[in-house]
Amino acid sequence: MSMFRFGFMTANGAILEACKDEKRVHIIDFDVNQGSQYYTLLQTLAKSPGKRPHVRLTGVDDPESVQRAVGGLKIIGQRLEQLAEDLQLSLSSML
């Protein structure tokens, strides 16, 4: 397991613990990168028993200073929103 993946799993575990039983979750990320760290988080939230929370993801980044393999923040936001829609999870992103 890579250190990045371990870090994502640890962060997602902390987020899940902190937002347990919440109706709304707002995550502010200062380095969204490719957004892949949120795939498993969204999948886990979608499988949660009971009412699923509304998730708001805000990315704070300088799109001109970072090269992204998958495109700009807008594309990353669209991919995460599509995943959330497929999972029937309410997500709004500010990327």
N, C-alpha and C. Protein backbone atom coordinates (compact mmCIF):
# COMPACT_ATOMS: atom_id res chain seq x y z
N MET A 1 0.85 -1.17 0.00
CA MET A 1 0.00 0.00 0.00
C MET A 1 0.90 1.23 0.00
N SER A 2 0.60 2.16 -0.89
CA SER A 2 1.41 3.38 -0.96
C SER A 2 1.13 4.28 0.23
N MET A 3 2.06 5.15 0.51
CA MET A 3 1.90 6.10 1.62
C MET A 3 0.74 7.06 1.35
N PHE A 4 0.55 7.44 0.06
CA PHE A 4 -0.56 8.32 -0.27
C PHE A 4 -1.89 7.63 0.03
N ARG A 5 -2.01 6.38 -0.39
CA ARG A 5 -3.26 5.65 -0.16
C ARG A 5 -3.52 5.50 1.34
N PHE A 6 -2.48 5.18 2.10
CA PHE A 6 -2.62 5.07 3.54
C PHE A 6 -3.08 6.41 4.13
N GLY A 7 -2.49 7.50 3.65
CA GLY A 7 -2.89 8.82 4.13
C GLY A 7 -4.34 9.14 3.81
N PHE A 8 -4.77 8.79 2.60
CA PHE A 8 -6.17 9.02 2.21
C PHE A 8 -7.11 8.20 3.09
N MET A 9 -6.76 6.93 3.34
CA MET A 9 -7.60 6.07 4.17
C MET A 9 -7.70 6.62 5.59
N THR A 10 -6.58 7.08 6.11
CA THR A 10 -6.56 7.63 7.46
C THR A 10 -7.40 8.91 7.54
N ALA A 11 -7.24 9.79 6.55
CA ALA A 11 -8.02 11.03 6.53
C ALA A 11 -9.50 10.73 6.38
N ASN A 12 -9.85 9.80 5.48
CA ASN A 12 -11.26 9.44 5.29
C ASN A 12 -11.85 8.85 6.57
N GLY A 13 -11.08 8.03 7.27
CA GLY A 13 -11.55 7.47 8.54
C GLY A 13 -11.83 8.56 9.56
N ALA A 14 -10.95 9.55 9.62
CA ALA A 14 -11.15 10.67 10.55
C ALA A 14 -12.38 11.49 10.16
N ILE A 15 -12.57 11.71 8.86
CA ILE A 15 -13.75 12.46 8.39
C ILE A 15 -15.02 11.69 8.72
N LEU A 16 -15.03 10.38 8.47
CA LEU A 16 -16.21 9.56 8.75
C LEU A 16 -16.54 9.57 10.24
N GLU A 17 -15.53 9.48 11.08
CA GLU A 17 -15.76 9.50 12.52
C GLU A 17 -16.30 10.86 12.97
N ALA A 18 -15.74 11.93 12.43
CA ALA A 18 -16.16 13.28 12.82
C ALA A 18 -17.57 13.62 12.36
N CYS A 19 -18.00 13.05 11.24
CA CYS A 19 -19.31 13.43 10.69
C CYS A 19 -20.39 12.39 10.94
N LYS A 20 -20.09 11.41 11.78
CA LYS A 20 -21.06 10.37 12.08
C LYS A 20 -22.37 11.00 12.59
N ASP A 21 -23.48 10.59 12.01
CA ASP A 21 -24.83 11.05 12.39
C ASP A 21 -25.12 12.51 12.01
N GLU A 22 -24.27 13.13 11.22
CA GLU A 22 -24.52 14.50 10.76
C GLU A 22 -25.36 14.48 9.49
N LYS A 23 -26.19 15.50 9.33
CA LYS A 23 -27.02 15.62 8.13
C LYS A 23 -26.28 16.31 6.99
N ARG A 24 -25.32 17.15 7.35
CA ARG A 24 -24.55 17.89 6.35
C ARG A 24 -23.08 17.81 6.72
N VAL A 25 -22.25 17.61 5.70
CA VAL A 25 -20.80 17.53 5.90
C VAL A 25 -20.15 18.49 4.91
N HIS A 26 -19.31 19.38 5.42
CA HIS A 26 -18.59 20.31 4.55
C HIS A 26 -17.10 20.05 4.72
N ILE A 27 -16.47 19.65 3.62
CA ILE A 27 -15.04 19.36 3.62
C ILE A 27 -14.34 20.46 2.84
N ILE A 28 -13.33 21.06 3.45
CA ILE A 28 -12.52 22.08 2.78
C ILE A 28 -11.14 21.47 2.56
N ASP A 29 -10.73 21.40 1.31
CA ASP A 29 -9.47 20.74 0.95
C ASP A 29 -8.54 21.76 0.31
N PHE A 30 -7.35 21.89 0.87
CA PHE A 30 -6.38 22.87 0.38
C PHE A 30 -5.45 22.30 -0.69
N ASP A 31 -5.64 21.04 -1.06
CA ASP A 31 -4.86 20.44 -2.15
C ASP A 31 -5.64 19.26 -2.71
N VAL A 32 -6.65 19.55 -3.50
CA VAL A 32 -7.54 18.51 -4.03
C VAL A 32 -6.78 17.52 -4.91
N ASN A 33 -5.74 17.98 -5.57
CA ASN A 33 -4.96 17.17 -6.49
C ASN A 33 -5.89 16.60 -7.55
N GLN A 34 -6.03 15.27 -7.67
CA GLN A 34 -6.90 14.69 -8.69
C GLN A 34 -8.26 14.28 -8.13
N GLY A 35 -8.47 14.46 -6.84
CA GLY A 35 -9.77 14.16 -6.24
C GLY A 35 -10.00 12.70 -5.93
N SER A 36 -9.06 11.84 -6.27
CA SER A 36 -9.26 10.40 -6.09
C SER A 36 -9.38 9.99 -4.63
N GLN A 37 -8.89 10.84 -3.72
CA GLN A 37 -8.99 10.52 -2.31
C GLN A 37 -10.44 10.51 -1.82
N TYR A 38 -11.34 11.07 -2.61
CA TYR A 38 -12.75 11.14 -2.19
C TYR A 38 -13.60 10.00 -2.72
N TYR A 39 -13.07 9.19 -3.64
CA TYR A 39 -13.87 8.09 -4.20
C TYR A 39 -14.34 7.14 -3.11
N THR A 40 -13.41 6.64 -2.30
CA THR A 40 -13.81 5.69 -1.26
C THR A 40 -14.63 6.35 -0.16
N LEU A 41 -14.37 7.62 0.12
CA LEU A 41 -15.17 8.33 1.12
C LEU A 41 -16.62 8.42 0.67
N LEU A 42 -16.84 8.83 -0.56
CA LEU A 42 -18.21 8.93 -1.07
C LEU A 42 -18.88 7.57 -1.12
N GLN A 43 -18.15 6.54 -1.52
CA GLN A 43 -18.71 5.19 -1.56
C GLN A 43 -19.11 4.72 -0.16
N THR A 44 -18.28 5.01 0.82
CA THR A 44 -18.58 4.62 2.20
C THR A 44 -19.79 5.38 2.73
N LEU A 45 -19.86 6.68 2.48
CA LEU A 45 -21.01 7.47 2.92
C LEU A 45 -22.30 6.98 2.26
N ALA A 46 -22.21 6.57 1.01
CA ALA A 46 -23.40 6.09 0.29
C ALA A 46 -23.91 4.78 0.87
N LYS A 47 -23.03 3.99 1.48
CA LYS A 47 -23.42 2.71 2.06
C LYS A 47 -23.84 2.83 3.52
N SER A 48 -23.74 4.02 4.07
CA SER A 48 -24.05 4.22 5.48
C SER A 48 -25.51 3.90 5.76
N PRO A 49 -25.78 3.25 6.89
CA PRO A 49 -27.18 3.00 7.25
C PRO A 49 -27.88 4.30 7.61
N GLY A 50 -29.16 4.35 7.40
CA GLY A 50 -29.93 5.55 7.72
C GLY A 50 -29.85 6.58 6.61
N LYS A 51 -30.19 7.80 6.96
CA LYS A 51 -30.20 8.88 5.98
C LYS A 51 -28.78 9.30 5.65
N ARG A 52 -28.51 9.40 4.37
CA ARG A 52 -27.18 9.81 3.92
C ARG A 52 -27.02 11.31 4.07
N PRO A 53 -25.83 11.76 4.45
CA PRO A 53 -25.63 13.20 4.60
C PRO A 53 -25.47 13.89 3.25
N HIS A 54 -25.75 15.18 3.23
CA HIS A 54 -25.41 16.01 2.07
C HIS A 54 -23.94 16.39 2.25
N VAL A 55 -23.15 16.20 1.22
CA VAL A 55 -21.72 16.49 1.28
C VAL A 55 -21.43 17.72 0.42
N ARG A 56 -20.70 18.65 1.00
CA ARG A 56 -20.22 19.81 0.25
C ARG A 56 -18.70 19.76 0.29
N LEU A 57 -18.10 19.82 -0.87
CA LEU A 57 -16.65 19.76 -0.99
C LEU A 57 -16.16 21.07 -1.59
N THR A 58 -15.32 21.77 -0.84
CA THR A 58 -14.75 23.03 -1.31
C THR A 58 -13.25 22.84 -1.49
N GLY A 59 -12.78 23.10 -2.69
CA GLY A 59 -11.36 23.01 -2.98
C GLY A 59 -10.74 24.40 -3.02
N VAL A 60 -9.70 24.60 -2.25
CA VAL A 60 -8.95 25.85 -2.25
C VAL A 60 -7.62 25.54 -2.91
N ASP A 61 -7.41 26.12 -4.08
CA ASP A 61 -6.23 25.75 -4.85
C ASP A 61 -5.90 26.86 -5.83
N ASP A 62 -4.70 26.86 -6.32
CA ASP A 62 -4.29 27.78 -7.37
C ASP A 62 -4.18 26.98 -8.66
N PRO A 63 -5.20 27.01 -9.51
CA PRO A 63 -5.21 26.16 -10.70
C PRO A 63 -4.11 26.50 -11.70
N GLU A 64 -3.52 27.68 -11.60
CA GLU A 64 -2.47 28.05 -12.54
C GLU A 64 -1.10 27.57 -12.12
N SER A 65 -0.94 27.18 -10.86
CA SER A 65 0.38 26.78 -10.39
C SER A 65 0.55 25.26 -10.31
N VAL A 66 -0.50 24.52 -10.61
CA VAL A 66 -0.44 23.07 -10.46
C VAL A 66 -0.79 22.40 -11.78
N GLN A 67 0.03 21.45 -12.21
CA GLN A 67 -0.27 20.64 -13.39
C GLN A 67 -1.09 19.44 -12.95
N ARG A 68 -2.20 19.18 -13.60
CA ARG A 68 -3.05 18.06 -13.25
C ARG A 68 -3.16 17.09 -14.42
N ALA A 69 -3.03 15.82 -14.11
CA ALA A 69 -3.12 14.80 -15.16
C ALA A 69 -4.55 14.67 -15.69
N VAL A 70 -5.54 14.98 -14.86
CA VAL A 70 -6.94 14.79 -15.27
C VAL A 70 -7.62 16.08 -15.68
N GLY A 71 -6.92 17.18 -15.72
CA GLY A 71 -7.53 18.44 -16.10
C GLY A 71 -7.68 19.37 -14.91
N GLY A 72 -8.43 20.43 -15.10
CA GLY A 72 -8.60 21.43 -14.07
C GLY A 72 -9.56 21.04 -12.98
N LEU A 73 -9.71 21.94 -12.01
CA LEU A 73 -10.59 21.69 -10.88
C LEU A 73 -12.03 21.46 -11.32
N LYS A 74 -12.46 22.16 -12.36
CA LYS A 74 -13.84 22.00 -12.83
C LYS A 74 -14.10 20.55 -13.26
N ILE A 75 -13.16 19.96 -13.99
CA ILE A 75 -13.31 18.57 -14.44
C ILE A 75 -13.32 17.62 -13.25
N ILE A 76 -12.45 17.87 -12.29
CA ILE A 76 -12.41 17.03 -11.09
C ILE A 76 -13.74 17.10 -10.35
N GLY A 77 -14.28 18.31 -10.20
CA GLY A 77 -15.58 18.48 -9.56
C GLY A 77 -16.68 17.74 -10.30
N GLN A 78 -16.67 17.81 -11.62
CA GLN A 78 -17.68 17.12 -12.42
C GLN A 78 -17.59 15.61 -12.23
N ARG A 79 -16.38 15.08 -12.17
CA ARG A 79 -16.21 13.63 -11.95
C ARG A 79 -16.73 13.21 -10.59
N LEU A 80 -16.43 13.99 -9.57
CA LEU A 80 -16.91 13.66 -8.23
C LEU A 80 -18.43 13.78 -8.15
N GLU A 81 -18.99 14.80 -8.79
CA GLU A 81 -20.45 14.96 -8.80
C GLU A 81 -21.12 13.80 -9.54
N GLN A 82 -20.52 13.32 -10.63
CA GLN A 82 -21.07 12.17 -11.35
C GLN A 82 -21.02 10.91 -10.50
N LEU A 83 -19.91 10.71 -9.80
CA LEU A 83 -19.80 9.56 -8.91
C LEU A 83 -20.87 9.62 -7.83
N ALA A 84 -21.04 10.79 -7.22
CA ALA A 84 -22.05 10.95 -6.18
C ALA A 84 -23.45 10.67 -6.73
N GLU A 85 -23.72 11.15 -7.93
CA GLU A 85 -25.02 10.90 -8.55
C GLU A 85 -25.22 9.40 -8.77
N ASP A 86 -24.20 8.72 -9.26
CA ASP A 86 -24.28 7.27 -9.46
C ASP A 86 -24.54 6.53 -8.14
N LEU A 87 -24.01 7.07 -7.05
CA LEU A 87 -24.18 6.48 -5.72
C LEU A 87 -25.45 6.95 -5.03
N GLN A 88 -26.19 7.84 -5.68
CA GLN A 88 -27.40 8.46 -5.11
C GLN A 88 -27.07 9.18 -3.80
N LEU A 89 -25.99 9.94 -3.85
CA LEU A 89 -25.52 10.71 -2.71
C LEU A 89 -25.55 12.18 -3.09
N SER A 90 -26.04 13.01 -2.20
CA SER A 90 -26.12 14.45 -2.47
C SER A 90 -24.75 15.09 -2.26
N LEU A 91 -24.23 15.70 -3.33
CA LEU A 91 -22.91 16.34 -3.28
C LEU A 91 -22.97 17.66 -4.02
N SER A 92 -22.43 18.68 -3.40
CA SER A 92 -22.19 19.93 -4.13
C SER A 92 -20.70 20.22 -3.99
N SER A 93 -20.09 20.58 -5.10
CA SER A 93 -18.66 20.85 -5.05
C SER A 93 -18.39 22.27 -5.51
N MET A 94 -17.42 22.86 -4.88
CA MET A 94 -16.96 24.19 -5.24
C MET A 94 -15.50 24.04 -5.66
N LEU A 95 -15.32 23.43 -6.81
CA LEU A 95 -13.96 23.20 -7.31
C LEU A 95 -13.76 23.97 -8.58
